[in-house]
Amino acid sequence: MYHIRQTTIKYLKQIAKARRQRINSVEIKLKDAEVCCGANPSDASKSEVMILRTEYEKLIDCKTKGAIVRSRVTLYENAKKKKHQTLP
């Protein structure tokens, strides 16, 4: 049982690391594109900024959804503990 848990944790850490790297790379590309767009505002550079911005927002939304789910689980667990403690 412990081996399964250990393998799962290792796998999830790899996924989280890849996600963090993806967010960082998109963030760097977005900053570079915004600087380039500020220096040379053409339609191509503006569209590149918009594409990168939507991709960055999608990645952040995914991260936010995970935080929301974790908070729901915490609330559920706390409510379950309180209910269990109040029973005679």
N, C-alpha and C. Protein backbone atom coordinates (compact mmCIF):
# COMPACT_ATOMS: atom_id res chain seq x y z
N MET A 1 0.83 -1.19 0.00
CA MET A 1 0.00 0.00 0.00
C MET A 1 0.88 1.26 0.00
N TYR A 2 1.94 1.22 0.80
CA TYR A 2 2.82 2.38 0.89
C TYR A 2 3.53 2.63 -0.44
N HIS A 3 3.87 1.55 -1.14
CA HIS A 3 4.57 1.68 -2.42
C HIS A 3 3.69 2.39 -3.45
N ILE A 4 2.41 2.08 -3.45
CA ILE A 4 1.48 2.75 -4.38
C ILE A 4 1.42 4.23 -4.08
N ARG A 5 1.31 4.56 -2.82
CA ARG A 5 1.24 5.96 -2.43
C ARG A 5 2.53 6.70 -2.80
N GLN A 6 3.65 6.08 -2.56
CA GLN A 6 4.95 6.67 -2.86
C GLN A 6 5.08 6.91 -4.38
N THR A 7 4.67 5.96 -5.17
CA THR A 7 4.73 6.09 -6.62
C THR A 7 3.81 7.20 -7.11
N THR A 8 2.62 7.28 -6.54
CA THR A 8 1.65 8.31 -6.91
C THR A 8 2.18 9.70 -6.58
N ILE A 9 2.76 9.85 -5.40
CA ILE A 9 3.31 11.15 -5.00
C ILE A 9 4.44 11.55 -5.93
N LYS A 10 5.30 10.61 -6.26
CA LYS A 10 6.42 10.91 -7.16
C LYS A 10 5.90 11.35 -8.53
N TYR A 11 4.90 10.66 -9.04
CA TYR A 11 4.31 11.00 -10.34
C TYR A 11 3.66 12.38 -10.32
N LEU A 12 2.91 12.65 -9.27
CA LEU A 12 2.24 13.95 -9.17
C LEU A 12 3.22 15.10 -9.02
N LYS A 13 4.34 14.85 -8.35
CA LYS A 13 5.38 15.88 -8.25
C LYS A 13 5.99 16.17 -9.61
N GLN A 14 6.15 15.15 -10.43
CA GLN A 14 6.67 15.36 -11.78
C GLN A 14 5.70 16.20 -12.62
N ILE A 15 4.41 15.91 -12.49
CA ILE A 15 3.40 16.67 -13.22
C ILE A 15 3.39 18.11 -12.75
N ALA A 16 3.47 18.33 -11.45
CA ALA A 16 3.46 19.69 -10.90
C ALA A 16 4.70 20.46 -11.36
N LYS A 17 5.84 19.79 -11.40
CA LYS A 17 7.07 20.44 -11.86
C LYS A 17 6.95 20.84 -13.33
N ALA A 18 6.41 19.95 -14.14
CA ALA A 18 6.22 20.26 -15.57
C ALA A 18 5.25 21.43 -15.74
N ARG A 19 4.20 21.46 -14.91
CA ARG A 19 3.23 22.56 -14.99
C ARG A 19 3.88 23.89 -14.59
N ARG A 20 4.67 23.87 -13.53
CA ARG A 20 5.37 25.10 -13.11
C ARG A 20 6.33 25.59 -14.19
N GLN A 21 7.05 24.66 -14.81
CA GLN A 21 7.97 25.03 -15.88
C GLN A 21 7.20 25.62 -17.06
N ARG A 22 6.06 25.05 -17.38
CA ARG A 22 5.23 25.55 -18.49
C ARG A 22 4.73 26.95 -18.17
N ILE A 23 4.28 27.18 -16.95
CA ILE A 23 3.81 28.52 -16.56
C ILE A 23 4.96 29.52 -16.65
N ASN A 24 6.13 29.15 -16.16
CA ASN A 24 7.29 30.06 -16.20
C ASN A 24 7.69 30.38 -17.64
N SER A 25 7.70 29.38 -18.50
CA SER A 25 8.11 29.63 -19.89
C SER A 25 7.10 30.52 -20.61
N VAL A 26 5.81 30.29 -20.38
CA VAL A 26 4.80 31.14 -21.01
C VAL A 26 4.87 32.56 -20.45
N GLU A 27 5.14 32.67 -19.16
CA GLU A 27 5.26 33.99 -18.54
C GLU A 27 6.44 34.77 -19.13
N ILE A 28 7.56 34.10 -19.32
CA ILE A 28 8.74 34.75 -19.91
C ILE A 28 8.46 35.15 -21.35
N LYS A 29 7.84 34.25 -22.12
CA LYS A 29 7.50 34.57 -23.51
C LYS A 29 6.54 35.76 -23.57
N LEU A 30 5.58 35.79 -22.64
CA LEU A 30 4.60 36.88 -22.62
C LEU A 30 5.28 38.21 -22.32
N LYS A 31 6.19 38.23 -21.34
CA LYS A 31 6.90 39.47 -21.02
C LYS A 31 7.73 39.95 -22.20
N ASP A 32 8.42 39.02 -22.87
CA ASP A 32 9.22 39.38 -24.03
C ASP A 32 8.33 39.92 -25.16
N ALA A 33 7.19 39.27 -25.37
CA ALA A 33 6.28 39.70 -26.42
C ALA A 33 5.69 41.08 -26.12
N GLU A 34 5.40 41.34 -24.84
CA GLU A 34 4.86 42.66 -24.47
C GLU A 34 5.90 43.75 -24.68
N VAL A 35 7.16 43.46 -24.36
CA VAL A 35 8.24 44.43 -24.60
C VAL A 35 8.39 44.68 -26.10
N CYS A 36 8.37 43.60 -26.87
CA CYS A 36 8.49 43.71 -28.33
C CYS A 36 7.30 44.49 -28.91
N CYS A 37 6.11 44.23 -28.38
CA CYS A 37 4.92 44.93 -28.86
C CYS A 37 4.98 46.41 -28.50
N GLY A 38 5.54 46.72 -27.34
CA GLY A 38 5.67 48.12 -26.94
C GLY A 38 6.65 48.86 -27.83
N ALA A 39 7.71 48.17 -28.26
CA ALA A 39 8.71 48.79 -29.12
C ALA A 39 8.24 48.86 -30.57
N ASN A 40 7.53 47.81 -31.02
CA ASN A 40 7.09 47.74 -32.41
C ASN A 40 5.65 47.22 -32.46
N PRO A 41 4.66 48.09 -32.26
CA PRO A 41 3.26 47.64 -32.20
C PRO A 41 2.69 47.30 -33.59
N SER A 42 2.87 46.07 -34.00
CA SER A 42 2.27 45.61 -35.25
C SER A 42 1.17 44.62 -34.94
N ASP A 43 0.39 44.27 -35.95
CA ASP A 43 -0.72 43.33 -35.75
C ASP A 43 -0.21 41.95 -35.35
N ALA A 44 0.90 41.54 -35.92
CA ALA A 44 1.45 40.22 -35.59
C ALA A 44 1.90 40.15 -34.14
N SER A 45 2.56 41.21 -33.66
CA SER A 45 3.02 41.19 -32.27
C SER A 45 1.85 41.30 -31.30
N LYS A 46 0.82 42.06 -31.68
CA LYS A 46 -0.37 42.15 -30.81
C LYS A 46 -1.09 40.82 -30.73
N SER A 47 -1.20 40.13 -31.86
CA SER A 47 -1.88 38.83 -31.83
C SER A 47 -1.07 37.81 -31.03
N GLU A 48 0.26 37.87 -31.12
CA GLU A 48 1.11 36.98 -30.34
C GLU A 48 0.91 37.22 -28.85
N VAL A 49 0.83 38.49 -28.46
CA VAL A 49 0.60 38.83 -27.05
C VAL A 49 -0.75 38.29 -26.59
N MET A 50 -1.77 38.44 -27.42
CA MET A 50 -3.10 37.95 -27.04
C MET A 50 -3.12 36.43 -26.90
N ILE A 51 -2.45 35.75 -27.82
CA ILE A 51 -2.40 34.28 -27.75
C ILE A 51 -1.69 33.83 -26.48
N LEU A 52 -0.54 34.44 -26.20
CA LEU A 52 0.21 34.07 -24.99
C LEU A 52 -0.56 34.42 -23.73
N ARG A 53 -1.26 35.54 -23.74
CA ARG A 53 -2.03 35.95 -22.56
C ARG A 53 -3.16 34.98 -22.28
N THR A 54 -3.87 34.52 -23.32
CA THR A 54 -4.95 33.56 -23.10
C THR A 54 -4.40 32.22 -22.62
N GLU A 55 -3.25 31.80 -23.16
CA GLU A 55 -2.64 30.56 -22.71
C GLU A 55 -2.22 30.66 -21.24
N TYR A 56 -1.65 31.79 -20.87
CA TYR A 56 -1.23 32.02 -19.48
C TYR A 56 -2.45 32.01 -18.55
N GLU A 57 -3.53 32.65 -18.98
CA GLU A 57 -4.74 32.69 -18.16
C GLU A 57 -5.34 31.29 -17.99
N LYS A 58 -5.28 30.46 -19.02
CA LYS A 58 -5.77 29.09 -18.91
C LYS A 58 -4.97 28.30 -17.88
N LEU A 59 -3.66 28.47 -17.92
CA LEU A 59 -2.80 27.77 -16.95
C LEU A 59 -3.08 28.23 -15.52
N ILE A 60 -3.26 29.51 -15.34
CA ILE A 60 -3.56 30.04 -14.01
C ILE A 60 -4.94 29.61 -13.55
N ASP A 61 -5.92 29.54 -14.47
CA ASP A 61 -7.25 29.07 -14.11
C ASP A 61 -7.22 27.63 -13.62
N CYS A 62 -6.40 26.81 -14.27
CA CYS A 62 -6.26 25.41 -13.84
C CYS A 62 -5.70 25.34 -12.43
N LYS A 63 -4.72 26.19 -12.15
CA LYS A 63 -4.12 26.25 -10.82
C LYS A 63 -5.15 26.72 -9.78
N THR A 64 -5.96 27.68 -10.16
CA THR A 64 -6.99 28.22 -9.27
C THR A 64 -8.06 27.18 -8.97
N LYS A 65 -8.46 26.42 -9.98
CA LYS A 65 -9.47 25.37 -9.78
C LYS A 65 -8.97 24.33 -8.79
N GLY A 66 -7.68 23.99 -8.86
CA GLY A 66 -7.11 23.04 -7.91
C GLY A 66 -7.17 23.56 -6.48
N ALA A 67 -6.90 24.85 -6.31
CA ALA A 67 -6.97 25.45 -4.98
C ALA A 67 -8.41 25.44 -4.45
N ILE A 68 -9.36 25.68 -5.33
CA ILE A 68 -10.77 25.67 -4.92
C ILE A 68 -11.19 24.28 -4.48
N VAL A 69 -10.78 23.26 -5.23
CA VAL A 69 -11.12 21.88 -4.86
C VAL A 69 -10.50 21.51 -3.52
N ARG A 70 -9.23 21.89 -3.32
CA ARG A 70 -8.58 21.58 -2.05
C ARG A 70 -9.28 22.27 -0.88
N SER A 71 -9.75 23.50 -1.08
CA SER A 71 -10.43 24.19 0.02
C SER A 71 -11.77 23.53 0.32
N ARG A 72 -12.46 23.03 -0.72
CA ARG A 72 -13.72 22.32 -0.48
C ARG A 72 -13.48 21.05 0.32
N VAL A 73 -12.44 20.34 -0.01
CA VAL A 73 -12.12 19.11 0.71
C VAL A 73 -11.83 19.42 2.17
N THR A 74 -11.08 20.49 2.41
CA THR A 74 -10.77 20.87 3.79
C THR A 74 -12.05 21.22 4.54
N LEU A 75 -12.93 21.99 3.92
CA LEU A 75 -14.19 22.34 4.57
C LEU A 75 -15.02 21.10 4.86
N TYR A 76 -15.07 20.18 3.91
CA TYR A 76 -15.84 18.95 4.08
C TYR A 76 -15.27 18.12 5.23
N GLU A 77 -13.95 18.00 5.26
CA GLU A 77 -13.32 17.21 6.33
C GLU A 77 -13.55 17.85 7.69
N ASN A 78 -13.45 19.16 7.78
CA ASN A 78 -13.69 19.84 9.05
C ASN A 78 -15.14 19.68 9.50
N ALA A 79 -16.08 19.78 8.58
CA ALA A 79 -17.49 19.60 8.92
C ALA A 79 -17.76 18.17 9.38
N LYS A 80 -17.12 17.22 8.73
CA LYS A 80 -17.29 15.82 9.11
C LYS A 80 -16.75 15.57 10.51
N LYS A 81 -15.59 16.18 10.84
CA LYS A 81 -15.02 16.02 12.17
C LYS A 81 -15.92 16.63 13.23
N LYS A 82 -16.45 17.82 12.96
CA LYS A 82 -17.33 18.47 13.93
C LYS A 82 -18.59 17.66 14.15
N LYS A 83 -19.14 17.11 13.06
CA LYS A 83 -20.36 16.31 13.18
C LYS A 83 -20.08 15.05 14.00
N HIS A 84 -18.93 14.46 13.77
CA HIS A 84 -18.57 13.24 14.49
C HIS A 84 -18.33 13.54 15.96
N GLN A 85 -17.79 14.71 16.30
CA GLN A 85 -17.51 15.07 17.67
C GLN A 85 -18.78 15.39 18.45
N THR A 86 -19.81 15.91 17.78
CA THR A 86 -21.02 16.30 18.48
C THR A 86 -21.94 15.12 18.76
N LEU A 87 -21.74 14.00 18.08
CA LEU A 87 -22.60 12.84 18.32
C LEU A 87 -22.28 12.24 19.70
N PRO A 88 -23.32 11.83 20.43
CA PRO A 88 -23.10 11.28 21.78
C PRO A 88 -22.49 9.91 21.78
